[in-house]
PDB file of N, CA and C in Angstrom:
ATOM      1  N   MET A   1      -3.346  13.295   7.946  1.00  0.00           N
ATOM      2  CA  MET A   1      -3.526  11.410   7.211  1.00  0.00           C
ATOM      3  C   MET A   1      -2.460  11.615   6.763  1.00  0.00           C
ATOM      4  N   ALA A   2      -1.387  10.671   7.001  1.00  0.00           N
ATOM      5  CA  ALA A   2      -0.542  10.395   6.387  1.00  0.00           C
ATOM      6  C   ALA A   2      -0.635   8.331   6.271  1.00  0.00           C
ATOM      7  N   ILE A   3       0.886   8.617   5.447  1.00  0.00           N
ATOM      8  CA  ILE A   3       1.319   6.604   4.911  1.00  0.00           C
ATOM      9  C   ILE A   3       2.892   6.755   4.948  1.00  0.00           C
ATOM     10  N   SER A   4       3.203   5.621   5.787  1.00  0.00           N
ATOM     11  CA  SER A   4       4.935   5.612   5.754  1.00  0.00           C
ATOM     12  C   SER A   4       4.948   4.576   4.685  1.00  0.00           C
ATOM     13  N   MET A   5       6.964   3.778   4.587  1.00  0.00           N
ATOM     14  CA  MET A   5       6.329   2.831   4.207  1.00  0.00           C
ATOM     15  C   MET A   5       8.344   2.404   4.828  1.00  0.00           C
ATOM     16  N   THR A   6       9.217   1.728   5.201  1.00  0.00           N
ATOM     17  CA  THR A   6      10.275   0.900   5.757  1.00  0.00           C
ATOM     18  C   THR A   6      10.898   1.292   4.646  1.00  0.00           C
ATOM     19  N   GLU A   7      11.832   1.446   5.151  1.00  0.00           N
ATOM     20  CA  GLU A   7      13.622   0.974   4.020  1.00  0.00           C
ATOM     21  C   GLU A   7      12.993  -0.186   3.039  1.00  0.00           C
ATOM     22  N   ALA A   8      12.751  -1.205   3.547  1.00  0.00           N
ATOM     23  CA  ALA A   8      13.038  -2.081   2.448  1.00  0.00           C
ATOM     24  C   ALA A   8      10.985  -2.066   1.942  1.00  0.00           C
ATOM     25  N   ALA A   9      10.006  -1.277   2.013  1.00  0.00           N
ATOM     26  CA  ALA A   9       9.083  -1.012   0.968  1.00  0.00           C
ATOM     27  C   ALA A   9      10.019   0.056  -0.295  1.00  0.00           C
ATOM     28  N   GLU A  10      10.549   1.337   0.491  1.00  0.00           N
ATOM     29  CA  GLU A  10      10.869   1.781  -0.222  1.00  0.00           C
ATOM     30  C   GLU A  10      12.365   1.253  -1.514  1.00  0.00           C
ATOM     31  N   ALA A  11      13.015  -0.207  -1.081  1.00  0.00           N
ATOM     32  CA  ALA A  11      13.783  -0.668  -1.877  1.00  0.00           C
ATOM     33  C   ALA A  11      13.188  -1.073  -2.762  1.00  0.00           C
ATOM     34  N   HIS A  12      12.163  -1.890  -2.703  1.00  0.00           N
ATOM     35  CA  HIS A  12      11.788  -2.846  -3.356  1.00  0.00           C
ATOM     36  C   HIS A  12      10.791  -2.056  -4.917  1.00  0.00           C
ATOM     37  N   ILE A  13      10.071  -1.286  -3.672  1.00  0.00           N
ATOM     38  CA  ILE A  13       9.303  -0.269  -4.612  1.00  0.00           C
ATOM     39  C   ILE A  13      10.223   0.577  -6.127  1.00  0.00           C
ATOM     40  N   GLN A  14      11.284   0.595  -5.494  1.00  0.00           N
ATOM     41  CA  GLN A  14      12.031   1.195  -6.527  1.00  0.00           C
ATOM     42  C   GLN A  14      12.273   0.596  -7.459  1.00  0.00           C
ATOM     43  N   SER A  15      13.235  -1.138  -7.185  1.00  0.00           N
ATOM     44  CA  SER A  15      13.223  -1.426  -8.006  1.00  0.00           C
ATOM     45  C   SER A  15      12.946  -2.655  -9.119  1.00  0.00           C
ATOM     46  N   GLN A  16      11.379  -2.364  -8.283  1.00  0.00           N
ATOM     47  CA  GLN A  16      10.591  -3.306  -9.545  1.00  0.00           C
ATOM     48  C   GLN A  16      10.176  -1.384  -9.972  1.00  0.00           C
ATOM     49  N   LEU A  17      10.031  -0.406  -9.972  1.00  0.00           N
ATOM     50  CA  LEU A  17      10.019   0.717 -11.155  1.00  0.00           C
ATOM     51  C   LEU A  17      11.349   0.867 -11.779  1.00  0.00           C
ATOM     52  N   ALA A  18      11.644   0.750 -11.636  1.00  0.00           N
ATOM     53  CA  ALA A  18      12.927   0.599 -12.383  1.00  0.00           C
ATOM     54  C   ALA A  18      13.164  -0.537 -13.042  1.00  0.00           C
ATOM     55  N   LYS A  19      12.576  -1.630 -13.343  1.00  0.00           N
ATOM     56  CA  LYS A  19      12.769  -3.019 -14.298  1.00  0.00           C
ATOM     57  C   LYS A  19      11.276  -2.596 -14.645  1.00  0.00           C
ATOM     58  N   ARG A  20      10.416  -1.897 -14.314  1.00  0.00           N
ATOM     59  CA  ARG A  20       9.286  -1.700 -15.654  1.00  0.00           C
ATOM     60  C   ARG A  20       9.521  -0.474 -16.244  1.00  0.00           C
ATOM     61  N   GLY A  21      10.118   0.319 -15.883  1.00  0.00           N
ATOM     62  CA  GLY A  21      11.214   1.352 -17.260  1.00  0.00           C
ATOM     63  C   GLY A  21       9.869   2.421 -16.770  1.00  0.00           C
ATOM     64  N   ASN A  22       8.485   2.236 -16.483  1.00  0.00           N
ATOM     65  CA  ASN A  22       8.235   3.810 -16.538  1.00  0.00           C
ATOM     66  C   ASN A  22       7.694   4.181 -15.018  1.00  0.00           C
ATOM     67  N   GLY A  23       6.470   4.870 -14.492  1.00  0.00           N
ATOM     68  CA  GLY A  23       5.841   4.466 -13.580  1.00  0.00           C
ATOM     69  C   GLY A  23       6.544   6.098 -12.361  1.00  0.00           C
ATOM     70  N   ILE A  24       5.556   6.340 -11.952  1.00  0.00           N
ATOM     71  CA  ILE A  24       5.758   7.889 -11.394  1.00  0.00           C
ATOM     72  C   ILE A  24       5.350   7.210  -9.292  1.00  0.00           C
ATOM     73  N   GLY A  25       5.183   5.457  -9.272  1.00  0.00           N
ATOM     74  CA  GLY A  25       5.284   5.079  -7.709  1.00  0.00           C
ATOM     75  C   GLY A  25       4.113   3.866  -7.769  1.00  0.00           C
ATOM     76  N   ILE A  26       3.492   3.559  -6.427  1.00  0.00           N
ATOM     77  CA  ILE A  26       2.579   2.678  -6.490  1.00  0.00           C
ATOM     78  C   ILE A  26       1.609   3.185  -5.757  1.00  0.00           C
ATOM     79  N   ARG A  27       0.659   2.782  -6.048  1.00  0.00           N
ATOM     80  CA  ARG A  27      -0.932   3.362  -5.462  1.00  0.00           C
ATOM     81  C   ARG A  27      -1.384   1.775  -4.876  1.00  0.00           C
ATOM     82  N   VAL A  28      -1.845   2.816  -3.275  1.00  0.00           N
ATOM     83  CA  VAL A  28      -1.845   2.107  -2.703  1.00  0.00           C
ATOM     84  C   VAL A  28      -3.822   2.333  -2.517  1.00  0.00           C
ATOM     85  N   GLY A  29      -4.387   1.108  -2.518  1.00  0.00           N
ATOM     86  CA  GLY A  29      -5.939   1.909  -1.874  1.00  0.00           C
ATOM     87  C   GLY A  29      -6.639   0.210  -1.525  1.00  0.00           C
ATOM     88  N   VAL A  30      -7.668   0.376  -0.703  1.00  0.00           N
ATOM     89  CA  VAL A  30      -8.654  -1.053  -0.613  1.00  0.00           C
ATOM     90  C   VAL A  30      -9.854  -0.761  -1.630  1.00  0.00           C
ATOM     91  N   LYS A  31     -10.163  -2.201  -1.546  1.00  0.00           N
ATOM     92  CA  LYS A  31     -11.436  -2.325  -1.984  1.00  0.00           C
ATOM     93  C   LYS A  31     -12.072  -3.396  -1.402  1.00  0.00           C
ATOM     94  N   THR A  32     -13.289  -3.545  -1.468  1.00  0.00           N
ATOM     95  CA  THR A  32     -14.771  -4.524  -1.056  1.00  0.00           C
ATOM     96  C   THR A  32     -13.993  -6.119  -1.553  1.00  0.00           C
ATOM     97  N   ALA A  33     -13.823  -7.356  -0.157  1.00  0.00           N
ATOM     98  CA  ALA A  33     -13.765  -8.016  -1.129  1.00  0.00           C
ATOM     99  C   ALA A  33     -13.362  -8.863   0.467  1.00  0.00           C
ATOM    100  N   GLY A  34     -13.848 -10.672   0.501  1.00  0.00           N
ATOM    101  CA  GLY A  34     -12.842 -11.437   1.493  1.00  0.00           C
ATOM    102  C   GLY A  34     -13.962 -11.357   2.535  1.00  0.00           C
ATOM    103  N   CYS A  35     -14.001 -12.397   3.341  1.00  0.00           N
ATOM    104  CA  CYS A  35     -15.174 -12.802   4.399  1.00  0.00           C
ATOM    105  C   CYS A  35     -14.822 -11.502   5.475  1.00  0.00           C
ATOM    106  N   SER A  36     -13.530 -10.718   6.403  1.00  0.00           N
ATOM    107  CA  SER A  36     -13.407  -9.338   6.526  1.00  0.00           C
ATOM    108  C   SER A  36     -14.426  -7.897   6.419  1.00  0.00           C
ATOM    109  N   GLY A  37     -14.529  -8.179   4.018  1.00  0.00           N
ATOM    110  CA  GLY A  37     -14.805  -6.232   4.351  1.00  0.00           C
ATOM    111  C   GLY A  37     -14.203  -6.110   3.354  1.00  0.00           C
ATOM    112  N   LEU A  38     -12.928  -5.519   3.571  1.00  0.00           N
ATOM    113  CA  LEU A  38     -11.426  -4.288   3.075  1.00  0.00           C
ATOM    114  C   LEU A  38     -10.969  -5.814   2.648  1.00  0.00           C
ATOM    115  N   ALA A  39     -10.014  -5.025   1.123  1.00  0.00           N
ATOM    116  CA  ALA A  39      -8.728  -6.177   0.856  1.00  0.00           C
ATOM    117  C   ALA A  39      -7.780  -4.644   0.424  1.00  0.00           C
ATOM    118  N   TYR A  40      -6.548  -5.101   0.798  1.00  0.00           N
ATOM    119  CA  TYR A  40      -5.506  -3.580   0.398  1.00  0.00           C
ATOM    120  C   TYR A  40      -5.094  -4.078  -1.256  1.00  0.00           C
ATOM    121  N   VAL A  41      -5.335  -3.327  -2.141  1.00  0.00           N
ATOM    122  CA  VAL A  41      -4.685  -3.864  -3.474  1.00  0.00           C
ATOM    123  C   VAL A  41      -3.600  -2.284  -3.758  1.00  0.00           C
ATOM    124  N   LEU A  42      -2.575  -3.211  -4.593  1.00  0.00           N
ATOM    125  CA  LEU A  42      -1.221  -2.569  -4.708  1.00  0.00           C
ATOM    126  C   LEU A  42      -0.937  -2.781  -6.496  1.00  0.00           C
ATOM    127  N   GLU A  43      -1.022  -1.459  -6.899  1.00  0.00           N
ATOM    128  CA  GLU A  43      -0.863  -0.823  -8.040  1.00  0.00           C
ATOM    129  C   GLU A  43       0.154  -0.093  -8.634  1.00  0.00           C
ATOM    130  N   PHE A  44       1.140  -0.430  -9.532  1.00  0.00           N
ATOM    131  CA  PHE A  44       1.882   0.988 -10.452  1.00  0.00           C
ATOM    132  C   PHE A  44       0.595   1.931 -10.743  1.00  0.00           C
ATOM    133  N   VAL A  45       1.762   3.063 -10.601  1.00  0.00           N
ATOM    134  CA  VAL A  45       0.945   4.207 -11.429  1.00  0.00           C
ATOM    135  C   VAL A  45       2.027   4.901 -12.341  1.00  0.00           C
ATOM    136  N   ASP A  46       1.151   5.337 -13.123  1.00  0.00           N
ATOM    137  CA  ASP A  46       1.939   6.999 -13.761  1.00  0.00           C
ATOM    138  C   ASP A  46       1.184   7.519 -13.808  1.00  0.00           C
ATOM    139  N   SER A  47       0.414   7.790 -13.189  1.00  0.00           N
ATOM    140  CA  SER A  47       0.303   9.396 -12.995  1.00  0.00           C
ATOM    141  C   SER A  47      -0.802  10.018 -11.981  1.00  0.00           C
ATOM    142  N   ALA A  48      -0.810  10.451 -11.374  1.00  0.00           N
ATOM    143  CA  ALA A  48      -1.884  10.372 -10.258  1.00  0.00           C
ATOM    144  C   ALA A  48      -2.821  11.724 -10.790  1.00  0.00           C
ATOM    145  N   GLU A  49      -4.428  11.604  -9.875  1.00  0.00           N
ATOM    146  CA  GLU A  49      -5.670  11.867 -10.654  1.00  0.00           C
ATOM    147  C   GLU A  49      -5.655  13.200  -9.738  1.00  0.00           C
ATOM    148  N   ALA A  50      -5.985  13.820  -9.779  1.00  0.00           N
ATOM    149  CA  ALA A  50      -6.322  15.526  -9.603  1.00  0.00           C
ATOM    150  C   ALA A  50      -6.576  15.085  -7.793  1.00  0.00           C
ATOM    151  N   GLU A  51      -7.604  14.223  -7.564  1.00  0.00           N
ATOM    152  CA  GLU A  51      -8.637  14.432  -6.137  1.00  0.00           C
ATOM    153  C   GLU A  51      -6.802  13.261  -5.283  1.00  0.00           C
ATOM    154  N   ASP A  52      -6.082  12.410  -5.628  1.00  0.00           N
ATOM    155  CA  ASP A  52      -5.181  12.054  -5.438  1.00  0.00           C
ATOM    156  C   ASP A  52      -5.003  11.974  -4.123  1.00  0.00           C
ATOM    157  N   THR A  53      -4.417  11.878  -2.955  1.00  0.00           N
ATOM    158  CA  THR A  53      -3.395  12.326  -2.202  1.00  0.00           C
ATOM    159  C   THR A  53      -1.933  11.246  -2.446  1.00  0.00           C
ATOM    160  N   VAL A  54      -0.764  12.074  -2.576  1.00  0.00           N
ATOM    161  CA  VAL A  54       0.558  11.741  -2.746  1.00  0.00           C
ATOM    162  C   VAL A  54       1.298  11.674  -1.663  1.00  0.00           C
ATOM    163  N   PHE A  55       1.893  10.609  -1.268  1.00  0.00           N
ATOM    164  CA  PHE A  55       3.257  10.671  -0.057  1.00  0.00           C
ATOM    165  C   PHE A  55       4.757  10.499  -0.734  1.00  0.00           C
ATOM    166  N   GLU A  56       5.060  10.902   0.273  1.00  0.00           N
ATOM    167  CA  GLU A  56       6.523  11.136  -0.901  1.00  0.00           C
ATOM    168  C   GLU A  56       8.005  10.304   0.413  1.00  0.00           C
ATOM    169  N   GLN A  57       8.142   9.842  -0.017  1.00  0.00           N
ATOM    170  CA  GLN A  57       9.401   9.209   0.839  1.00  0.00           C
ATOM    171  C   GLN A  57      10.848   8.610  -0.078  1.00  0.00           C
ATOM    172  N   ASN A  58      12.243  10.031  -0.155  1.00  0.00           N
ATOM    173  CA  ASN A  58      13.463   9.519  -0.576  1.00  0.00           C
ATOM    174  C   ASN A  58      13.242   9.056  -1.986  1.00  0.00           C
ATOM    175  N   GLY A  59      12.100   9.994  -2.184  1.00  0.00           N
ATOM    176  CA  GLY A  59      11.421  10.108  -3.875  1.00  0.00           C
ATOM    177  C   GLY A  59      10.741   8.429  -4.363  1.00  0.00           C
ATOM    178  N   VAL A  60      10.500   8.030  -3.390  1.00  0.00           N
ATOM    179  CA  VAL A  60       9.678   6.975  -3.759  1.00  0.00           C
ATOM    180  C   VAL A  60       7.840   7.255  -3.721  1.00  0.00           C
ATOM    181  N   LYS A  61       6.892   7.270  -4.590  1.00  0.00           N
ATOM    182  CA  LYS A  61       5.481   7.629  -4.099  1.00  0.00           C
ATOM    183  C   LYS A  61       4.815   7.110  -4.073  1.00  0.00           C
ATOM    184  N   LEU A  62       3.811   7.218  -2.872  1.00  0.00           N
ATOM    185  CA  LEU A  62       2.583   6.396  -2.628  1.00  0.00           C
ATOM    186  C   LEU A  62       1.413   7.472  -2.406  1.00  0.00           C
ATOM    187  N   VAL A  63       0.925   7.000  -3.826  1.00  0.00           N
ATOM    188  CA  VAL A  63      -0.437   7.409  -4.501  1.00  0.00           C
ATOM    189  C   VAL A  63      -2.075   6.349  -3.946  1.00  0.00           C
ATOM    190  N   VAL A  64      -2.773   7.517  -2.770  1.00  0.00           N
ATOM    191  CA  VAL A  64      -4.494   7.669  -3.254  1.00  0.00           C
ATOM    192  C   VAL A  64      -4.703   7.978  -2.681  1.00  0.00           C
ATOM    193  N   ASP A  65      -6.093   7.267  -3.834  1.00  0.00           N
ATOM    194  CA  ASP A  65      -7.593   7.884  -3.777  1.00  0.00           C
ATOM    195  C   ASP A  65      -8.272   8.272  -2.188  1.00  0.00           C
ATOM    196  N   PRO A  66      -8.758   9.537  -2.233  1.00  0.00           N
ATOM    197  CA  PRO A  66      -9.100   9.771  -1.225  1.00  0.00           C
ATOM    198  C   PRO A  66     -10.591   8.888  -0.545  1.00  0.00           C
ATOM    199  N   LYS A  67     -11.001   7.881  -1.033  1.00  0.00           N
ATOM    200  CA  LYS A  67     -12.152   6.676  -0.755  1.00  0.00           C
ATOM    201  C   LYS A  67     -10.960   6.024   0.191  1.00  0.00           C
ATOM    202  N   SER A  68     -10.347   5.561   0.002  1.00  0.00           N
ATOM    203  CA  SER A  68      -9.471   4.533   0.601  1.00  0.00           C
ATOM    204  C   SER A  68      -8.578   5.313   1.665  1.00  0.00           C
ATOM    205  N   LEU A  69      -7.480   6.217   1.422  1.00  0.00           N
ATOM    206  CA  LEU A  69      -6.601   7.005   2.788  1.00  0.00           C
ATOM    207  C   LEU A  69      -7.784   7.695   3.804  1.00  0.00           C
ATOM    208  N   VAL A  70      -9.120   7.203   3.546  1.00  0.00           N
ATOM    209  CA  VAL A  70      -9.862   7.292   5.108  1.00  0.00           C
ATOM    210  C   VAL A  70      -9.439   5.708   6.097  1.00  0.00           C
ATOM    211  N   TYR A  71      -9.653   4.558   5.694  1.00  0.00           N
ATOM    212  CA  TYR A  71      -9.297   3.288   5.738  1.00  0.00           C
ATOM    213  C   TYR A  71      -7.335   3.439   5.994  1.00  0.00           C
ATOM    214  N   LEU A  72      -6.514   4.070   5.047  1.00  0.00           N
ATOM    215  CA  LEU A  72      -5.514   3.692   5.402  1.00  0.00           C
ATOM    216  C   LEU A  72      -4.395   4.834   6.107  1.00  0.00           C
ATOM    217  N   ASP A  73      -5.183   5.555   6.823  1.00  0.00           N
ATOM    218  CA  ASP A  73      -4.884   7.173   7.658  1.00  0.00           C
ATOM    219  C   ASP A  73      -4.222   6.020   8.829  1.00  0.00           C
ATOM    220  N   GLY A  74      -1.968   6.506   8.143  1.00  0.00           N
ATOM    221  CA  GLY A  74      -1.622   5.867   9.783  1.00  0.00           C
ATOM    222  C   GLY A  74      -1.017   4.878   9.148  1.00  0.00           C
ATOM    223  N   THR A  75      -1.234   4.126   8.125  1.00  0.00           N
ATOM    224  CA  THR A  75      -1.104   3.036   7.823  1.00  0.00           C
ATOM    225  C   THR A  75       0.783   2.633   7.386  1.00  0.00           C
ATOM    226  N   GLN A  76       1.194   1.723   8.071  1.00  0.00           N
ATOM    227  CA  GLN A  76       2.720   1.970   7.531  1.00  0.00           C
ATOM    228  C   GLN A  76       3.212   0.270   6.990  1.00  0.00           C
ATOM    229  N   LEU A  77       3.423   0.204   5.215  1.00  0.00           N
ATOM    230  CA  LEU A  77       4.000  -0.153   4.051  1.00  0.00           C
ATOM    231  C   LEU A  77       5.134  -0.800   4.845  1.00  0.00           C
ATOM    232  N   ASP A  78       5.308  -2.261   4.169  1.00  0.00           N
ATOM    233  CA  ASP A  78       6.039  -2.507   4.819  1.00  0.00           C
ATOM    234  C   ASP A  78       6.429  -3.991   3.663  1.00  0.00           C
ATOM    235  N   PHE A  79       8.091  -4.079   3.795  1.00  0.00           N
ATOM    236  CA  PHE A  79       8.153  -5.755   2.630  1.00  0.00           C
ATOM    237  C   PHE A  79       9.271  -5.970   3.373  1.00  0.00           C
ATOM    238  N   VAL A  80       8.305  -7.350   3.360  1.00  0.00           N
ATOM    239  CA  VAL A  80       9.415  -8.377   4.162  1.00  0.00           C
ATOM    240  C   VAL A  80       9.215  -9.396   3.754  1.00  0.00           C
ATOM    241  N   LYS A  81      10.583 -10.908   3.808  1.00  0.00           N
ATOM    242  CA  LYS A  81      10.884 -11.740   2.904  1.00  0.00           C
ATOM    243  C   LYS A  81      11.802 -12.679   4.199  1.00  0.00           C
ATOM    244  N   GLU A  82      10.404 -13.550   4.502  1.00  0.00           N
ATOM    245  CA  GLU A  82      10.341 -14.680   5.277  1.00  0.00           C
ATOM    246  C   GLU A  82      10.563 -16.061   4.333  1.00  0.00           C
ATOM    247  N   GLY A  83      11.452 -16.889   4.383  1.00  0.00           N
ATOM    248  CA  GLY A  83      12.185 -17.808   3.931  1.00  0.00           C
ATOM    249  C   GLY A  83      11.968 -18.183   2.419  1.00  0.00           C
ATOM    250  N   LEU A  84      10.977 -18.394   1.747  1.00  0.00           N
ATOM    251  CA  LEU A  84      10.724 -18.432   0.336  1.00  0.00           C
ATOM    252  C   LEU A  84       9.271 -17.645  -0.026  1.00  0.00           C
ATOM    253  N   ASN A  85       8.872 -17.475   0.986  1.00  0.00           N
ATOM    254  CA  ASN A  85       8.010 -15.877   0.712  1.00  0.00           C
ATOM    255  C   ASN A  85       8.299 -15.092   0.439  1.00  0.00           C
ATOM    256  N   GLU A  86       8.006 -13.815  -0.089  1.00  0.00           N
ATOM    257  CA  GLU A  86       8.083 -12.275  -0.086  1.00  0.00           C
ATOM    258  C   GLU A  86       6.689 -11.554  -0.014  1.00  0.00           C
ATOM    259  N   GLY A  87       6.799 -10.198   0.597  1.00  0.00           N
ATOM    260  CA  GLY A  87       5.830  -9.646   0.334  1.00  0.00           C
ATOM    261  C   GLY A  87       5.361  -8.752   0.517  1.00  0.00           C
ATOM    262  N   PHE A  88       5.136  -7.495   0.987  1.00  0.00           N
ATOM    263  CA  PHE A  88       4.223  -6.100   1.506  1.00  0.00           C
ATOM    264  C   PHE A  88       3.556  -7.057   2.621  1.00  0.00           C
ATOM    265  N   THR A  89       3.397  -6.238   3.626  1.00  0.00           N
ATOM    266  CA  THR A  89       2.736  -6.194   4.741  1.00  0.00           C
ATOM    267  C   THR A  89       2.452  -5.011   5.515  1.00  0.00           C
ATOM    268  N   PHE A  90       1.472  -4.764   5.824  1.00  0.00           N
ATOM    269  CA  PHE A  90       0.691  -3.046   6.438  1.00  0.00           C
ATOM    270  C   PHE A  90      -0.078  -3.228   8.225  1.00  0.00           C
ATOM    271  N   THR A  91       1.255  -2.401   8.580  1.00  0.00           N
ATOM    272  CA  THR A  91       0.624  -2.084   9.940  1.00  0.00           C
ATOM    273  C   THR A  91      -0.453  -1.469  10.090  1.00  0.00           C
ATOM    274  N   ASN A  92      -1.509  -1.435  10.181  1.00  0.00           N
ATOM    275  CA  ASN A  92      -3.070  -0.146   9.809  1.00  0.00           C
ATOM    276  C   ASN A  92      -3.478  -0.023  11.303  1.00  0.00           C
ATOM    277  N   PRO A  93      -3.008   1.155  11.983  1.00  0.00           N
ATOM    278  CA  PRO A  93      -4.284   1.321  13.307  1.00  0.00           C
ATOM    279  C   PRO A  93      -5.484   1.269  13.715  1.00  0.00           C
ATOM    280  N   ASN A  94      -5.723   1.197  11.688  1.00  0.00           N
ATOM    281  CA  ASN A  94      -7.599   1.535  11.905  1.00  0.00           C
ATOM    282  C   ASN A  94      -8.126  -0.383  11.925  1.00  0.00           C
ATOM    283  N   VAL A  95      -7.011  -1.590  11.700  1.00  0.00           N
ATOM    284  CA  VAL A  95      -7.931  -2.463  12.088  1.00  0.00           C
ATOM    285  C   VAL A  95      -8.741  -2.949  12.940  1.00  0.00           C
ATOM    286  N   LYS A  96      -9.703  -3.416  12.698  1.00  0.00           N
ATOM    287  CA  LYS A  96     -10.762  -3.534  14.347  1.00  0.00           C
ATOM    288  C   LYS A  96      -9.894  -5.451  14.521  1.00  0.00           C
ATOM    289  N   ASN A  97     -10.136  -6.003  13.298  1.00  0.00           N
ATOM    290  CA  ASN A  97     -10.323  -7.501  12.739  1.00  0.00           C
ATOM    291  C   ASN A  97      -9.744  -7.914  11.793  1.00  0.00           C
ATOM    292  N   GLU A  98      -9.036  -8.628  11.477  1.00  0.00           N
ATOM    293  CA  GLU A  98      -8.736  -9.905  10.089  1.00  0.00           C
ATOM    294  C   GLU A  98      -9.178 -11.017  10.111  1.00  0.00           C
ATOM    295  N   CYS A  99      -9.728 -10.984   8.593  1.00  0.00           N
ATOM    296  CA  CYS A  99     -10.169 -13.124   8.701  1.00  0.00           C
ATOM    297  C   CYS A  99      -8.834 -13.966   9.253  1.00  0.00           C
ATOM    298  N   GLY A 100      -9.203 -14.499   9.305  1.00  0.00           N
ATOM    299  CA  GLY A 100      -8.384 -16.110   9.681  1.00  0.00           C
ATOM    300  C   GLY A 100      -7.137 -16.393   8.429  1.00  0.00           C
ATOM    301  N   CYS A 101      -7.256 -16.438   7.057  1.00  0.00           N
ATOM    302  CA  CYS A 101      -6.963 -15.941   5.718  1.00  0.00           C
ATOM    303  C   CYS A 101      -5.419 -15.041   5.552  1.00  0.00           C
ATOM    304  N   GLY A 102      -5.725 -13.726   6.724  1.00  0.00           N
ATOM    305  CA  GLY A 102      -4.948 -12.598   6.390  1.00  0.00           C
ATOM    306  C   GLY A 102      -5.367 -11.961   4.882  1.00  0.00           C
ATOM    307  N   GLU A 103      -6.616 -12.384   3.837  1.00  0.00           N
ATOM    308  CA  GLU A 103      -6.443 -11.616   3.212  1.00  0.00           C
ATOM    309  C   GLU A 103      -7.248  -9.972   3.153  1.00  0.00           C
ATOM    310  N   SER A 104      -8.357 -10.182   4.002  1.00  0.00           N
ATOM    311  CA  SER A 104      -8.964  -9.007   4.648  1.00  0.00           C
ATOM    312  C   SER A 104      -8.633  -9.071   5.941  1.00  0.00           C
ATOM    313  N   PHE A 105      -9.864  -7.173   6.664  1.00  0.00           N
ATOM    314  CA  PHE A 105      -9.494  -6.930   7.052  1.00  0.00           C
ATOM    315  C   PHE A 105     -10.640  -5.867   7.542  1.00  0.00           C
ATOM    316  N   HIS A 106     -11.521  -5.603   8.633  1.00  0.00           N
ATOM    317  CA  HIS A 106     -12.505  -5.200   8.951  1.00  0.00           C
ATOM    318  C   HIS A 106     -12.017  -3.703   9.769  1.00  0.00           C
ATOM    319  N   VAL A 107     -12.503  -2.066  10.029  1.00  0.00           N
ATOM    320  CA  VAL A 107     -12.330  -1.238  10.366  1.00  0.00           C
ATOM    321  C   VAL A 107     -13.328  -0.500  11.072  1.00  0.00           C
TER     322      VAL A 107
END
């Protein structure tokens, strides 16, 4: 099982951790929400839990809990700027359907 990130995502995470002044990386997870069932969750993480899986690329760590890893296996995290909008996007091969607003998904 693995999760990867693009160079743009790596750079953005490094920048945000530097501004924050501490933390080991970003926690990536899923929660029950939205009209399709699941939504992505991102938050700073200061320390990993024993049951977490940590993926590291070029010094940037993505921390994932075991329940979320099942839904995120094979996912690539990207950071995209389009006009005035910017944010993380997920390319998740497990997604079967997404809601119209793009906030939630179903596997």
